[in-house]
N, C-alpha and C. Protein backbone atom coordinates (compact mmCIF):
# COMPACT_ATOMS: atom_id res chain seq x y z
N MET A 1 33.30 136.94 36.79
CA MET A 1 33.33 135.75 37.61
C MET A 1 34.02 136.07 38.94
N ILE A 2 33.43 135.61 40.02
CA ILE A 2 33.98 135.83 41.35
C ILE A 2 34.78 134.60 41.77
N LYS A 3 36.00 134.84 42.25
CA LYS A 3 36.84 133.76 42.77
C LYS A 3 37.14 134.04 44.23
N LEU A 4 37.13 133.00 45.03
CA LEU A 4 37.36 133.13 46.46
C LEU A 4 38.69 132.49 46.83
N TYR A 5 39.48 133.21 47.62
CA TYR A 5 40.78 132.74 48.08
C TYR A 5 40.84 132.83 49.60
N SER A 6 41.53 131.92 50.21
CA SER A 6 41.82 132.02 51.64
C SER A 6 43.08 132.88 51.76
N GLY A 7 42.94 134.05 52.35
CA GLY A 7 44.07 134.97 52.39
C GLY A 7 44.20 135.74 51.09
N ARG A 8 45.44 136.10 50.73
CA ARG A 8 45.68 136.89 49.52
C ARG A 8 45.40 136.07 48.27
N PRO A 9 44.97 136.73 47.19
CA PRO A 9 44.70 136.01 45.95
C PRO A 9 46.00 135.49 45.34
N VAL A 10 45.92 134.29 44.78
CA VAL A 10 47.05 133.70 44.07
C VAL A 10 46.57 133.40 42.65
N ASP A 11 46.78 134.37 41.78
CA ASP A 11 46.38 134.23 40.39
C ASP A 11 47.38 134.97 39.52
N ASP A 12 47.12 135.05 38.24
CA ASP A 12 48.05 135.67 37.31
C ASP A 12 47.80 137.16 37.09
N ILE A 13 46.89 137.73 37.85
CA ILE A 13 46.54 139.14 37.66
C ILE A 13 47.60 140.01 38.31
N GLU A 14 48.07 141.02 37.56
CA GLU A 14 49.04 141.96 38.12
C GLU A 14 48.30 142.92 39.03
N ARG A 15 48.76 143.06 40.25
CA ARG A 15 48.08 143.88 41.25
C ARG A 15 48.90 145.13 41.55
N ILE A 16 48.21 146.22 41.88
CA ILE A 16 48.89 147.48 42.16
C ILE A 16 49.44 147.48 43.59
N ALA A 17 50.44 148.32 43.82
CA ALA A 17 51.12 148.36 45.11
C ALA A 17 50.19 148.58 46.30
N PRO A 18 49.24 149.55 46.26
CA PRO A 18 48.38 149.73 47.45
C PRO A 18 47.59 148.48 47.82
N GLU A 19 47.14 147.72 46.84
CA GLU A 19 46.41 146.48 47.13
C GLU A 19 47.35 145.46 47.77
N LEU A 20 48.53 145.27 47.20
CA LEU A 20 49.49 144.32 47.76
C LEU A 20 49.91 144.72 49.18
N GLN A 21 50.00 146.01 49.42
CA GLN A 21 50.36 146.49 50.76
C GLN A 21 49.28 146.14 51.78
N VAL A 22 48.02 146.12 51.36
CA VAL A 22 46.93 145.71 52.27
C VAL A 22 47.13 144.24 52.66
N TYR A 23 47.39 143.37 51.67
CA TYR A 23 47.59 141.96 51.98
C TYR A 23 48.81 141.77 52.88
N ASP A 24 49.88 142.48 52.59
CA ASP A 24 51.09 142.40 53.42
C ASP A 24 50.78 142.84 54.86
N PHE A 25 50.00 143.90 55.00
CA PHE A 25 49.65 144.43 56.32
C PHE A 25 48.83 143.40 57.09
N LEU A 26 47.79 142.86 56.45
CA LEU A 26 46.95 141.86 57.11
C LEU A 26 47.75 140.62 57.48
N ASP A 27 48.60 140.15 56.55
CA ASP A 27 49.43 138.98 56.82
C ASP A 27 50.40 139.25 57.96
N GLY A 28 50.97 140.44 57.99
CA GLY A 28 51.91 140.82 59.04
C GLY A 28 51.27 140.84 60.42
N LEU A 29 49.99 141.16 60.47
CA LEU A 29 49.25 141.16 61.74
C LEU A 29 48.75 139.76 62.12
N GLY A 30 48.82 138.84 61.17
CA GLY A 30 48.28 137.50 61.42
C GLY A 30 46.77 137.48 61.41
N VAL A 31 46.15 138.42 60.71
CA VAL A 31 44.69 138.49 60.63
C VAL A 31 44.20 137.42 59.64
N LYS A 32 43.19 136.69 60.05
CA LYS A 32 42.59 135.69 59.17
C LYS A 32 41.58 136.40 58.27
N TYR A 33 41.71 136.22 56.95
CA TYR A 33 40.81 136.88 56.00
C TYR A 33 40.71 136.04 54.74
N SER A 34 39.70 136.30 53.97
CA SER A 34 39.59 135.72 52.64
C SER A 34 39.47 136.86 51.64
N THR A 35 39.77 136.56 50.41
CA THR A 35 39.71 137.56 49.35
C THR A 35 38.84 137.05 48.22
N LEU A 36 37.99 137.92 47.73
CA LEU A 36 37.21 137.63 46.55
C LEU A 36 37.71 138.53 45.43
N THR A 37 38.01 137.96 44.28
CA THR A 37 38.33 138.77 43.10
C THR A 37 37.08 138.76 42.24
N HIS A 38 36.79 139.91 41.62
CA HIS A 38 35.52 140.06 40.91
C HIS A 38 35.62 141.21 39.91
N PRO A 39 34.64 141.31 39.03
CA PRO A 39 34.61 142.47 38.13
C PRO A 39 34.52 143.76 38.95
N ALA A 40 35.00 144.85 38.40
CA ALA A 40 34.98 146.14 39.10
C ALA A 40 33.58 146.44 39.62
N ALA A 41 33.53 146.85 40.89
CA ALA A 41 32.27 147.19 41.54
C ALA A 41 32.33 148.66 41.96
N PHE A 42 31.57 149.50 41.26
CA PHE A 42 31.57 150.93 41.53
C PHE A 42 30.40 151.37 42.40
N SER A 43 29.35 150.57 42.44
CA SER A 43 28.15 150.97 43.17
C SER A 43 27.78 149.90 44.19
N MET A 44 26.90 150.26 45.11
CA MET A 44 26.43 149.32 46.11
C MET A 44 25.68 148.17 45.43
N GLU A 45 24.99 148.45 44.34
CA GLU A 45 24.27 147.40 43.62
C GLU A 45 25.25 146.38 43.05
N GLU A 46 26.37 146.86 42.51
CA GLU A 46 27.37 145.95 41.96
C GLU A 46 28.07 145.15 43.06
N CYS A 47 28.07 145.66 44.26
CA CYS A 47 28.67 144.94 45.40
C CYS A 47 27.76 143.83 45.92
N GLU A 48 26.50 143.86 45.54
CA GLU A 48 25.54 142.89 46.06
C GLU A 48 25.94 141.45 45.74
N SER A 49 26.40 141.17 44.52
CA SER A 49 26.79 139.80 44.19
C SER A 49 28.00 139.37 45.01
N VAL A 50 28.88 140.30 45.30
CA VAL A 50 30.04 140.00 46.14
C VAL A 50 29.57 139.69 47.56
N ARG A 51 28.62 140.49 48.05
CA ARG A 51 28.09 140.28 49.39
C ARG A 51 27.52 138.88 49.55
N LYS A 52 26.84 138.41 48.55
CA LYS A 52 26.24 137.08 48.63
C LYS A 52 27.30 136.00 48.75
N VAL A 53 28.36 136.09 47.97
CA VAL A 53 29.44 135.09 48.03
C VAL A 53 30.21 135.23 49.34
N ALA A 54 30.44 136.45 49.78
CA ALA A 54 31.20 136.69 51.00
C ALA A 54 30.42 136.33 52.25
N ASP A 55 29.10 136.28 52.12
CA ASP A 55 28.22 136.05 53.28
C ASP A 55 28.55 137.04 54.40
N ALA A 56 28.72 138.29 53.98
CA ALA A 56 29.04 139.38 54.92
C ALA A 56 28.42 140.66 54.40
N PRO A 57 28.01 141.53 55.30
CA PRO A 57 27.47 142.80 54.81
C PRO A 57 28.56 143.64 54.15
N VAL A 58 28.16 144.33 53.12
CA VAL A 58 29.06 145.29 52.48
C VAL A 58 28.59 146.66 52.95
N PHE A 59 29.44 147.35 53.66
CA PHE A 59 29.07 148.66 54.18
C PHE A 59 29.34 149.73 53.14
N LYS A 60 28.64 150.83 53.29
CA LYS A 60 28.90 152.01 52.46
C LYS A 60 30.05 152.75 53.14
N ASN A 61 31.09 153.10 52.37
CA ASN A 61 32.23 153.83 52.89
C ASN A 61 32.32 155.15 52.15
N LEU A 62 32.24 156.25 52.89
CA LEU A 62 32.24 157.58 52.29
C LEU A 62 33.45 158.36 52.78
N PHE A 63 34.13 159.04 51.87
CA PHE A 63 35.29 159.85 52.22
C PHE A 63 34.85 161.31 52.19
N LEU A 64 34.89 161.95 53.35
CA LEU A 64 34.30 163.28 53.54
C LEU A 64 35.33 164.29 54.02
N THR A 65 34.99 165.56 53.85
CA THR A 65 35.85 166.63 54.35
C THR A 65 34.97 167.77 54.86
N ASN A 66 35.56 168.61 55.70
CA ASN A 66 34.84 169.79 56.16
C ASN A 66 34.90 170.86 55.07
N ARG A 67 34.20 171.93 55.27
CA ARG A 67 34.11 172.99 54.26
C ARG A 67 35.48 173.55 53.90
N GLN A 68 36.36 173.68 54.89
CA GLN A 68 37.69 174.26 54.66
C GLN A 68 38.68 173.24 54.07
N GLN A 69 38.27 172.00 53.96
CA GLN A 69 39.10 170.91 53.47
C GLN A 69 40.38 170.75 54.28
N THR A 70 40.21 170.88 55.61
CA THR A 70 41.34 170.71 56.53
C THR A 70 41.17 169.47 57.41
N GLN A 71 39.97 168.93 57.45
CA GLN A 71 39.70 167.72 58.22
C GLN A 71 39.06 166.70 57.29
N PHE A 72 39.48 165.45 57.43
CA PHE A 72 38.99 164.39 56.56
C PHE A 72 38.43 163.26 57.40
N TYR A 73 37.37 162.63 56.88
CA TYR A 73 36.65 161.60 57.61
C TYR A 73 36.36 160.43 56.67
N LEU A 74 36.50 159.23 57.18
CA LEU A 74 36.09 158.03 56.47
C LEU A 74 34.92 157.47 57.26
N LEU A 75 33.75 157.52 56.66
CA LEU A 75 32.52 157.07 57.32
C LEU A 75 32.13 155.69 56.82
N MET A 76 31.92 154.77 57.76
CA MET A 76 31.39 153.44 57.46
C MET A 76 29.95 153.42 57.94
N MET A 77 29.05 152.97 57.07
CA MET A 77 27.63 152.95 57.45
C MET A 77 26.92 151.83 56.70
N PRO A 78 25.73 151.42 57.17
CA PRO A 78 24.99 150.38 56.46
C PRO A 78 24.70 150.80 55.02
N ALA A 79 24.80 149.86 54.12
CA ALA A 79 24.63 150.15 52.70
C ALA A 79 23.29 150.78 52.36
N GLY A 80 22.23 150.33 53.02
CA GLY A 80 20.90 150.82 52.68
C GLY A 80 20.45 152.05 53.43
N LYS A 81 21.29 152.59 54.28
CA LYS A 81 20.90 153.73 55.11
C LYS A 81 21.24 155.03 54.39
N PRO A 82 20.28 155.95 54.28
CA PRO A 82 20.57 157.24 53.64
C PRO A 82 21.54 158.06 54.49
N PHE A 83 22.33 158.88 53.84
CA PHE A 83 23.31 159.71 54.52
C PHE A 83 22.87 161.17 54.50
N LYS A 84 22.76 161.76 55.68
CA LYS A 84 22.42 163.18 55.83
C LYS A 84 23.58 163.84 56.56
N THR A 85 24.24 164.77 55.89
CA THR A 85 25.44 165.37 56.47
C THR A 85 25.16 166.11 57.77
N LYS A 86 23.98 166.71 57.91
CA LYS A 86 23.72 167.52 59.10
C LYS A 86 23.76 166.68 60.38
N TYR A 87 23.33 165.41 60.32
CA TYR A 87 23.34 164.57 61.51
C TYR A 87 24.77 164.23 61.92
N LEU A 88 25.60 163.97 60.95
CA LEU A 88 26.99 163.64 61.26
C LEU A 88 27.77 164.88 61.69
N SER A 89 27.59 165.97 60.98
CA SER A 89 28.31 167.21 61.30
C SER A 89 28.06 167.64 62.74
N SER A 90 26.81 167.56 63.17
CA SER A 90 26.49 168.00 64.53
C SER A 90 27.14 167.10 65.58
N GLN A 91 27.22 165.80 65.31
CA GLN A 91 27.84 164.89 66.26
C GLN A 91 29.36 165.06 66.33
N LEU A 92 29.94 165.48 65.21
CA LEU A 92 31.39 165.67 65.17
C LEU A 92 31.79 167.08 65.57
N GLY A 93 30.82 167.98 65.65
CA GLY A 93 31.10 169.36 66.01
C GLY A 93 31.93 170.07 64.96
N CYS A 94 31.62 169.83 63.70
CA CYS A 94 32.37 170.46 62.62
C CYS A 94 31.43 171.14 61.63
N ALA A 95 32.02 171.93 60.77
CA ALA A 95 31.24 172.60 59.73
C ALA A 95 30.64 171.56 58.79
N ARG A 96 29.76 171.99 57.97
CA ARG A 96 29.09 171.11 57.01
C ARG A 96 30.09 170.23 56.26
N LEU A 97 29.76 168.96 56.15
CA LEU A 97 30.62 168.01 55.46
C LEU A 97 30.20 167.85 54.01
N SER A 98 31.16 167.54 53.16
CA SER A 98 30.89 167.20 51.78
C SER A 98 31.87 166.11 51.37
N PHE A 99 31.69 165.61 50.17
CA PHE A 99 32.59 164.57 49.70
C PHE A 99 33.96 165.17 49.39
N ALA A 100 35.00 164.49 49.83
CA ALA A 100 36.37 164.94 49.56
C ALA A 100 36.71 164.66 48.10
N SER A 101 37.71 165.32 47.62
CA SER A 101 38.11 165.18 46.21
C SER A 101 38.83 163.85 45.96
N GLU A 102 38.84 163.46 44.72
CA GLU A 102 39.58 162.26 44.33
C GLU A 102 41.06 162.44 44.64
N GLN A 103 41.57 163.64 44.43
CA GLN A 103 42.99 163.86 44.71
C GLN A 103 43.31 163.66 46.18
N ASP A 104 42.43 164.12 47.07
CA ASP A 104 42.64 163.88 48.50
C ASP A 104 42.58 162.39 48.82
N MET A 105 41.68 161.65 48.17
CA MET A 105 41.60 160.20 48.36
C MET A 105 42.93 159.55 48.01
N VAL A 106 43.45 159.93 46.86
CA VAL A 106 44.70 159.35 46.38
C VAL A 106 45.85 159.74 47.30
N ASP A 107 45.93 161.02 47.63
CA ASP A 107 47.04 161.50 48.46
C ASP A 107 47.04 160.90 49.86
N LEU A 108 45.87 160.79 50.47
CA LEU A 108 45.80 160.35 51.87
C LEU A 108 45.63 158.84 52.04
N LEU A 109 44.84 158.21 51.17
CA LEU A 109 44.51 156.79 51.36
C LEU A 109 44.99 155.88 50.23
N HIS A 110 45.53 156.45 49.16
CA HIS A 110 45.98 155.68 47.98
C HIS A 110 44.82 154.90 47.37
N ILE A 111 43.65 155.56 47.33
CA ILE A 111 42.41 154.95 46.85
C ILE A 111 41.76 155.88 45.84
N HIS A 112 41.07 155.28 44.86
CA HIS A 112 40.28 156.04 43.89
C HIS A 112 38.80 155.83 44.19
N PRO A 113 37.92 156.71 43.69
CA PRO A 113 36.48 156.52 43.90
C PRO A 113 36.04 155.11 43.49
N GLY A 114 35.15 154.55 44.27
CA GLY A 114 34.67 153.19 44.01
C GLY A 114 35.42 152.15 44.81
N ALA A 115 36.53 152.54 45.45
CA ALA A 115 37.32 151.58 46.23
C ALA A 115 37.56 152.06 47.66
N VAL A 116 36.81 153.05 48.11
CA VAL A 116 37.01 153.62 49.45
C VAL A 116 36.75 152.55 50.51
N SER A 117 37.68 152.42 51.44
CA SER A 117 37.51 151.48 52.54
C SER A 117 38.50 151.81 53.65
N PRO A 118 38.26 151.29 54.85
CA PRO A 118 39.20 151.53 55.95
C PRO A 118 40.57 150.92 55.70
N MET A 119 40.71 150.05 54.72
CA MET A 119 42.03 149.49 54.42
C MET A 119 42.99 150.60 53.96
N GLY A 120 42.45 151.67 53.42
CA GLY A 120 43.29 152.79 53.00
C GLY A 120 43.98 153.49 54.15
N LEU A 121 43.50 153.26 55.38
CA LEU A 121 44.12 153.90 56.54
C LEU A 121 45.56 153.46 56.75
N ILE A 122 45.94 152.32 56.19
CA ILE A 122 47.33 151.88 56.33
C ILE A 122 48.28 152.85 55.64
N HIS A 123 47.76 153.64 54.71
CA HIS A 123 48.57 154.60 53.96
C HIS A 123 48.56 155.99 54.60
N ASP A 124 47.67 156.22 55.55
CA ASP A 124 47.54 157.54 56.20
C ASP A 124 48.49 157.62 57.39
N LYS A 125 49.76 157.72 57.11
CA LYS A 125 50.79 157.71 58.15
C LYS A 125 50.74 158.95 59.05
N ASP A 126 50.20 160.06 58.53
CA ASP A 126 50.11 161.30 59.31
C ASP A 126 48.80 161.40 60.09
N HIS A 127 47.97 160.39 60.01
CA HIS A 127 46.69 160.33 60.73
C HIS A 127 45.82 161.56 60.47
N ARG A 128 45.68 161.90 59.21
CA ARG A 128 44.86 163.05 58.84
C ARG A 128 43.39 162.67 58.66
N VAL A 129 43.12 161.37 58.55
CA VAL A 129 41.76 160.88 58.33
C VAL A 129 41.22 160.30 59.63
N ARG A 130 40.02 160.71 59.98
CA ARG A 130 39.35 160.22 61.19
C ARG A 130 38.33 159.17 60.77
N LEU A 131 38.37 157.99 61.36
CA LEU A 131 37.45 156.91 61.04
C LEU A 131 36.20 157.04 61.89
N ILE A 132 35.05 157.05 61.23
CA ILE A 132 33.74 157.20 61.85
C ILE A 132 32.88 156.01 61.41
N ALA A 133 32.08 155.45 62.32
CA ALA A 133 31.19 154.35 61.94
C ALA A 133 29.84 154.52 62.59
N ASP A 134 28.81 154.24 61.82
CA ASP A 134 27.45 154.26 62.35
C ASP A 134 27.29 153.10 63.34
N ARG A 135 26.69 153.41 64.47
CA ARG A 135 26.53 152.43 65.54
C ARG A 135 25.76 151.18 65.09
N ASP A 136 24.94 151.29 64.06
CA ASP A 136 24.20 150.12 63.56
C ASP A 136 25.13 149.01 63.07
N LEU A 137 26.37 149.33 62.79
CA LEU A 137 27.31 148.33 62.29
C LEU A 137 27.84 147.43 63.40
N GLN A 138 27.67 147.83 64.64
CA GLN A 138 28.22 147.06 65.75
C GLN A 138 27.69 145.63 65.81
N ALA A 139 26.53 145.39 65.25
CA ALA A 139 25.94 144.05 65.30
C ALA A 139 26.55 143.09 64.27
N ALA A 140 27.28 143.62 63.30
CA ALA A 140 27.86 142.77 62.26
C ALA A 140 29.02 141.95 62.81
N GLU A 141 29.08 140.70 62.39
CA GLU A 141 30.20 139.84 62.81
C GLU A 141 31.33 139.89 61.79
N ARG A 142 30.95 139.94 60.52
CA ARG A 142 31.95 139.94 59.44
C ARG A 142 31.84 141.22 58.65
N TYR A 143 32.90 141.52 57.96
CA TYR A 143 32.99 142.78 57.21
C TYR A 143 33.67 142.50 55.87
N ALA A 144 33.13 143.07 54.81
CA ALA A 144 33.74 142.95 53.49
C ALA A 144 34.02 144.34 52.95
N CYS A 145 35.22 144.54 52.43
CA CYS A 145 35.58 145.85 51.87
C CYS A 145 36.66 145.68 50.81
N HIS A 146 36.87 146.72 50.05
CA HIS A 146 37.90 146.69 49.01
C HIS A 146 39.29 146.91 49.61
N PRO A 147 40.29 146.19 49.11
CA PRO A 147 41.67 146.41 49.54
C PRO A 147 42.36 147.46 48.66
N CYS A 148 41.78 148.66 48.64
CA CYS A 148 42.30 149.80 47.87
C CYS A 148 42.10 149.68 46.36
N VAL A 149 41.37 148.66 45.91
CA VAL A 149 40.95 148.52 44.51
C VAL A 149 39.55 147.95 44.52
N ASN A 150 38.78 148.24 43.47
CA ASN A 150 37.40 147.75 43.46
C ASN A 150 37.21 146.48 42.64
N THR A 151 38.31 145.76 42.39
CA THR A 151 38.23 144.48 41.69
C THR A 151 38.51 143.31 42.64
N SER A 152 38.62 143.62 43.90
CA SER A 152 38.81 142.60 44.94
C SER A 152 38.09 143.08 46.20
N SER A 153 37.75 142.12 47.06
CA SER A 153 37.18 142.44 48.35
C SER A 153 37.80 141.50 49.38
N VAL A 154 38.12 142.04 50.54
CA VAL A 154 38.60 141.20 51.64
C VAL A 154 37.47 141.05 52.63
N VAL A 155 37.41 139.87 53.24
CA VAL A 155 36.39 139.57 54.22
C VAL A 155 37.11 139.15 55.50
N LEU A 156 36.78 139.82 56.60
CA LEU A 156 37.37 139.51 57.89
C LEU A 156 36.35 139.81 58.96
N SER A 157 36.68 139.45 60.18
CA SER A 157 35.74 139.74 61.26
C SER A 157 35.76 141.24 61.55
N LEU A 158 34.62 141.77 61.94
CA LEU A 158 34.55 143.19 62.29
C LEU A 158 35.43 143.46 63.50
N SER A 159 35.50 142.50 64.40
CA SER A 159 36.36 142.63 65.57
C SER A 159 37.83 142.78 65.16
N ASP A 160 38.29 141.96 64.23
CA ASP A 160 39.67 142.08 63.75
C ASP A 160 39.90 143.42 63.05
N LEU A 161 38.91 143.85 62.28
CA LEU A 161 39.06 145.14 61.60
C LEU A 161 39.29 146.25 62.63
N ILE A 162 38.44 146.30 63.64
CA ILE A 162 38.51 147.39 64.62
C ILE A 162 39.68 147.22 65.59
N ASN A 163 39.79 146.04 66.18
CA ASN A 163 40.74 145.85 67.26
C ASN A 163 42.16 145.54 66.82
N ARG A 164 42.32 145.07 65.60
CA ARG A 164 43.67 144.74 65.14
C ARG A 164 44.12 145.63 63.99
N VAL A 165 43.32 145.71 62.92
CA VAL A 165 43.74 146.45 61.74
C VAL A 165 43.75 147.95 62.01
N VAL A 166 42.60 148.49 62.41
CA VAL A 166 42.51 149.93 62.66
C VAL A 166 43.48 150.32 63.78
N ALA A 167 43.53 149.52 64.84
CA ALA A 167 44.44 149.83 65.95
C ALA A 167 45.89 149.86 65.47
N ALA A 168 46.27 148.93 64.60
CA ALA A 168 47.65 148.87 64.11
C ALA A 168 48.01 150.07 63.23
N THR A 169 47.01 150.72 62.65
CA THR A 169 47.29 151.92 61.84
C THR A 169 47.49 153.15 62.72
N GLY A 170 47.12 153.03 64.00
CA GLY A 170 47.22 154.17 64.91
C GLY A 170 46.01 155.08 64.86
N HIS A 171 44.97 154.66 64.17
CA HIS A 171 43.73 155.43 64.10
C HIS A 171 42.77 154.98 65.19
N ASP A 172 41.87 155.86 65.55
CA ASP A 172 40.79 155.53 66.47
C ASP A 172 39.50 155.44 65.68
N LEU A 173 38.53 154.77 66.25
CA LEU A 173 37.21 154.68 65.64
C LEU A 173 36.23 155.44 66.52
N THR A 174 35.46 156.32 65.91
CA THR A 174 34.41 157.06 66.61
C THR A 174 33.06 156.53 66.15
N TRP A 175 32.25 156.06 67.09
CA TRP A 175 30.90 155.58 66.77
C TRP A 175 29.94 156.76 66.80
N VAL A 176 29.04 156.80 65.82
CA VAL A 176 28.03 157.86 65.72
C VAL A 176 26.68 157.21 65.49
N ASP A 177 25.63 157.99 65.70
CA ASP A 177 24.26 157.54 65.45
C ASP A 177 23.69 158.36 64.29
N LEU A 178 23.60 157.74 63.13
CA LEU A 178 23.02 158.41 61.97
C LEU A 178 21.54 158.08 61.92
N ARG A 179 20.73 159.07 61.77
CA ARG A 179 19.28 158.86 61.71
C ARG A 179 18.93 158.17 60.40
N PRO A 180 17.96 157.26 60.44
CA PRO A 180 17.61 156.49 59.24
C PRO A 180 16.68 157.22 58.26
N GLU A 181 16.51 158.51 58.38
CA GLU A 181 15.54 159.23 57.54
C GLU A 181 16.01 159.37 56.13
């Protein structure tokens, strides 16, 4: 069952520290957001029911690394768009990209697979992760993503995400053009 809250959820569910830190961060910035609590969503298909209630696109968020595992990237892209590493690698001027390990996710973003989102950037104090977004997302007004857990989703304006949340983490956003092939 999906429940909708204005701001942070107020229920009897015990929440983990990284999730609570996301709500504290958003509240501290004065960002207006809503939260949906829902069954665990591991796939884009499972996120579809959340998207309908949120009335916002759910983007695909991929945590990537270069071959040497010295550079890390968080890619935001349209859910239905296929991902080809060669198109992104050439735009970033780096070696072939692959998915980063779960341990790197935990260490850098305090996130586990299935919950990857830019909200994890609040935990990347050393700015080791570079945020990348497909230019097709620029048309979106609202954005829904996990607050470091896949049993909740926060919904906020894309403008607030980029101009307030990401900016407050000290990260920059790089726009790229991923081919739809």
